[in-house]
Amino acid sequence: MKAVFKVAGMRNTKDIGRIKDAIANNEGIVACQIIANSGQIEVIYDDYFINEERLIECIENLGYTVV
């Protein structure tokens, strides 16, 4: 499965690293690409292990807003 999220509050490489680590630490993540200048995150994942709601929760638990 592929999910695309728009995230508010990503300002620098530290933010990008935190989000990427939080997503990558979940079982079932195949790939994660963050496009900083647009605030967009593309995640390819195996929906047997994880779903979009859990991915959003991982991002929001760090203090960012998924729009």
Protein backbone atom coordinates (compact mmCIF):
# COMPACT_ATOMS: atom_id res chain seq x y z
CA MET A 1 0.00 0.00 0.00
CA LYS A 2 1.04 3.61 -0.49
CA ALA A 3 0.03 6.54 1.67
CA VAL A 4 0.77 10.22 1.16
CA PHE A 5 0.52 12.66 4.06
CA LYS A 6 0.89 16.42 4.29
CA VAL A 7 2.54 17.37 7.57
CA ALA A 8 2.59 20.80 9.17
CA GLY A 9 5.51 21.85 11.35
CA MET A 10 8.47 20.24 9.57
CA ARG A 11 11.07 23.00 9.59
CA ASN A 12 14.51 21.44 9.37
CA THR A 13 16.50 18.24 8.91
CA LYS A 14 16.10 17.34 12.58
CA ASP A 15 12.30 17.29 12.15
CA ILE A 16 12.64 15.17 9.02
CA GLY A 17 14.93 12.72 10.81
CA ARG A 18 12.58 12.38 13.79
CA ILE A 19 9.59 11.65 11.56
CA LYS A 20 11.49 9.23 9.34
CA ASP A 21 12.79 7.31 12.37
CA ALA A 22 9.33 7.12 13.95
CA ILE A 23 7.84 5.71 10.76
CA ALA A 24 10.74 3.37 9.97
CA ASN A 25 10.59 1.78 13.43
CA ASN A 26 7.28 0.11 12.58
CA GLU A 27 7.07 -3.40 11.18
CA GLY A 28 5.82 -3.49 7.61
CA ILE A 29 7.40 -0.26 6.35
CA VAL A 30 8.93 -0.80 2.91
CA ALA A 31 9.96 2.78 2.04
CA CYS A 32 9.57 6.31 3.35
CA GLN A 33 10.32 9.47 1.41
CA ILE A 34 9.97 12.95 2.88
CA ILE A 35 9.79 15.98 0.63
CA ALA A 36 10.72 18.78 2.98
CA ASN A 37 9.84 21.85 0.93
CA SER A 38 6.25 20.65 0.42
CA GLY A 39 5.84 18.98 3.82
CA GLN A 40 4.83 15.76 2.10
CA ILE A 41 5.56 12.23 3.27
CA GLU A 42 5.17 9.19 1.04
CA VAL A 43 5.13 5.82 2.75
CA ILE A 44 4.98 2.39 1.14
CA TYR A 45 3.93 -0.25 3.63
CA ASP A 46 2.52 -3.73 4.04
CA ASP A 47 -1.03 -3.32 5.34
CA TYR A 48 -0.85 -6.71 7.01
CA PHE A 49 1.39 -5.14 9.68
CA ILE A 50 0.38 -1.47 9.82
CA ASN A 51 -2.35 0.88 8.59
CA GLU A 52 -2.70 4.59 7.76
CA GLU A 53 -4.21 5.42 11.13
CA ARG A 54 -1.16 4.02 12.93
CA LEU A 55 1.19 5.96 10.63
CA ILE A 56 -0.68 9.19 11.38
CA GLU A 57 -0.52 8.40 15.09
CA CYS A 58 3.28 7.94 14.87
CA ILE A 59 3.65 11.38 13.30
CA GLU A 60 1.22 13.15 15.62
CA ASN A 61 2.80 11.59 18.73
CA LEU A 62 5.92 13.59 17.85
CA GLY A 63 3.93 16.83 17.98
CA TYR A 64 3.37 17.36 14.24
CA THR A 65 -0.01 17.82 12.57
CA VAL A 66 -1.13 15.68 9.66
CA VAL A 67 -3.41 17.78 7.43
